[in-house]
C-alpha atoms as a PDB file:
ATOM      1  CA  UNK A   1      94.200  75.988  83.663  1.00  0.00           C
ATOM      2  CA  UNK A   2      97.493  76.875  85.406  1.00  0.00           C
ATOM      3  CA  UNK A   3     100.483  77.694  83.261  1.00  0.00           C
ATOM      4  CA  UNK A   4     104.168  77.201  84.135  1.00  0.00           C
ATOM      5  CA  UNK A   5     104.337  80.959  84.705  1.00  0.00           C
ATOM      6  CA  UNK A   6     101.676  80.937  87.449  1.00  0.00           C
ATOM      7  CA  UNK A   7     102.734  81.510  91.043  1.00  0.00           C
ATOM      8  CA  UNK A   8     100.730  79.875  93.811  1.00  0.00           C
ATOM      9  CA  UNK A   9     100.404  81.866  97.017  1.00  0.00           C
ATOM     10  CA  UNK A  10     100.091  79.971 100.290  1.00  0.00           C
ATOM     11  CA  UNK A  11     101.861  82.446 102.585  1.00  0.00           C
ATOM     12  CA  UNK A  12     103.626  85.820 102.703  1.00  0.00           C
ATOM     13  CA  UNK A  13     106.736  84.392 101.053  1.00  0.00           C
ATOM     14  CA  UNK A  14     104.670  83.168  98.106  1.00  0.00           C
ATOM     15  CA  UNK A  15     102.982  86.542  97.799  1.00  0.00           C
ATOM     16  CA  UNK A  16     106.372  88.263  97.676  1.00  0.00           C
ATOM     17  CA  UNK A  17     107.672  85.708  95.187  1.00  0.00           C
ATOM     18  CA  UNK A  18     104.723  86.405  92.891  1.00  0.00           C
ATOM     19  CA  UNK A  19     105.232  90.180  92.992  1.00  0.00           C
ATOM     20  CA  UNK A  20     108.981  89.833  92.330  1.00  0.00           C
ATOM     21  CA  UNK A  21     108.455  87.300  89.526  1.00  0.00           C
ATOM     22  CA  UNK A  22     106.030  89.459  87.571  1.00  0.00           C
ATOM     23  CA  UNK A  23     107.935  92.691  88.301  1.00  0.00           C
ATOM     24  CA  UNK A  24     111.073  91.134  86.840  1.00  0.00           C
ATOM     25  CA  UNK A  25     109.163  89.763  83.844  1.00  0.00           C
ATOM     26  CA  UNK A  26     107.885  93.290  83.196  1.00  0.00           C
ATOM     27  CA  UNK A  27     111.478  94.528  83.254  1.00  0.00           C
ATOM     28  CA  UNK A  28     110.835  96.882  86.160  1.00  0.00           C
ATOM     29  CA  UNK A  29     113.061  97.779  89.083  1.00  0.00           C
ATOM     30  CA  UNK A  30     111.612  97.910  92.567  1.00  0.00           C
ATOM     31  CA  UNK A  31     111.762 101.713  92.410  1.00  0.00           C
ATOM     32  CA  UNK A  32     109.858 101.803  89.119  1.00  0.00           C
ATOM     33  CA  UNK A  33     107.078  99.490  90.297  1.00  0.00           C
ATOM     34  CA  UNK A  34     106.820 101.220  93.668  1.00  0.00           C
ATOM     35  CA  UNK A  35     106.568 104.579  91.910  1.00  0.00           C
ATOM     36  CA  UNK A  36     103.770 103.331  89.677  1.00  0.00           C
ATOM     37  CA  UNK A  37     101.599 102.476  92.668  1.00  0.00           C
ATOM     38  CA  UNK A  38     102.724 105.207  95.060  1.00  0.00           C
ATOM     39  CA  UNK A  39     104.551 103.168  97.694  1.00  0.00           C
ATOM     40  CA  UNK A  40     108.121 103.455  98.923  1.00  0.00           C
ATOM     41  CA  UNK A  41     110.679 101.114  97.362  1.00  0.00           C
ATOM     42  CA  UNK A  42     111.629  99.766 100.804  1.00  0.00           C
ATOM     43  CA  UNK A  43     108.005  98.730 101.399  1.00  0.00           C
ATOM     44  CA  UNK A  44     108.007  96.793  98.126  1.00  0.00           C
ATOM     45  CA  UNK A  45     111.346  95.208  99.077  1.00  0.00           C
ATOM     46  CA  UNK A  46     109.813  93.998 102.362  1.00  0.00           C
ATOM     47  CA  UNK A  47     106.837  92.496 100.519  1.00  0.00           C
ATOM     48  CA  UNK A  48     109.130  90.729  98.041  1.00  0.00           C
ATOM     49  CA  UNK A  49     111.204  89.394 100.949  1.00  0.00           C
ATOM     50  CA  UNK A  50     108.071  87.784 102.395  1.00  0.00           C
ATOM     51  CA  UNK A  51     107.675  90.072 105.389  1.00  0.00           C
ATOM     52  CA  UNK A  52     104.244  89.475 106.844  1.00  0.00           C
ATOM     53  CA  UNK A  53     102.321  92.758 107.060  1.00  0.00           C
ATOM     54  CA  UNK A  54      99.015  92.980 108.887  1.00  0.00           C
ATOM     55  CA  UNK A  55      97.152  93.132 105.570  1.00  0.00           C
ATOM     56  CA  UNK A  56      98.960  90.086 104.209  1.00  0.00           C
ATOM     57  CA  UNK A  57      98.411  88.211 107.475  1.00  0.00           C
ATOM     58  CA  UNK A  58      94.646  88.803 107.246  1.00  0.00           C
ATOM     59  CA  UNK A  59      94.411  87.816 103.584  1.00  0.00           C
ATOM     60  CA  UNK A  60      96.366  84.596 104.186  1.00  0.00           C
ATOM     61  CA  UNK A  61      94.206  83.786 107.243  1.00  0.00           C
ATOM     62  CA  UNK A  62      91.004  84.339 105.241  1.00  0.00           C
ATOM     63  CA  UNK A  63      92.245  82.091 102.445  1.00  0.00           C
ATOM     64  CA  UNK A  64      93.268  79.334 104.857  1.00  0.00           C
ATOM     65  CA  UNK A  65      89.930  79.517 106.659  1.00  0.00           C
ATOM     66  CA  UNK A  66      88.155  79.139 103.316  1.00  0.00           C
ATOM     67  CA  UNK A  67      90.436  76.282 102.203  1.00  0.00           C
ATOM     68  CA  UNK A  68      91.576  78.428  99.266  1.00  0.00           C
ATOM     69  CA  UNK A  69      94.715  79.880  97.746  1.00  0.00           C
ATOM     70  CA  UNK A  70      95.616  82.564  95.252  1.00  0.00           C
ATOM     71  CA  UNK A  71      97.172  81.690  91.910  1.00  0.00           C
ATOM     72  CA  UNK A  72      98.805  84.720  90.311  1.00  0.00           C
ATOM     73  CA  UNK A  73      98.979  84.648  86.541  1.00  0.00           C
ATOM     74  CA  UNK A  74      99.966  87.130  83.851  1.00  0.00           C
ATOM     75  CA  UNK A  75      97.094  89.458  83.011  1.00  0.00           C
ATOM     76  CA  UNK A  76      96.084  90.048  79.421  1.00  0.00           C
ATOM     77  CA  UNK A  77      95.017  93.650  79.905  1.00  0.00           C
END
């Protein structure tokens, strides 16, 4: 069941919103999160701003074609 903290992803902007939301909840800066996964901070900033990368474009297209969406929720791991 969705919680108020869940972020629904319908497009690149929603994907970026979800990443930013949970990064901020974790108390991380963009540089800290980017460093944890080995990407440049500017790349993370583009994702959070909703810039549509080729990977994001394909994922969104696959979801739309399947009449589906992603709901991002806090993990309990």
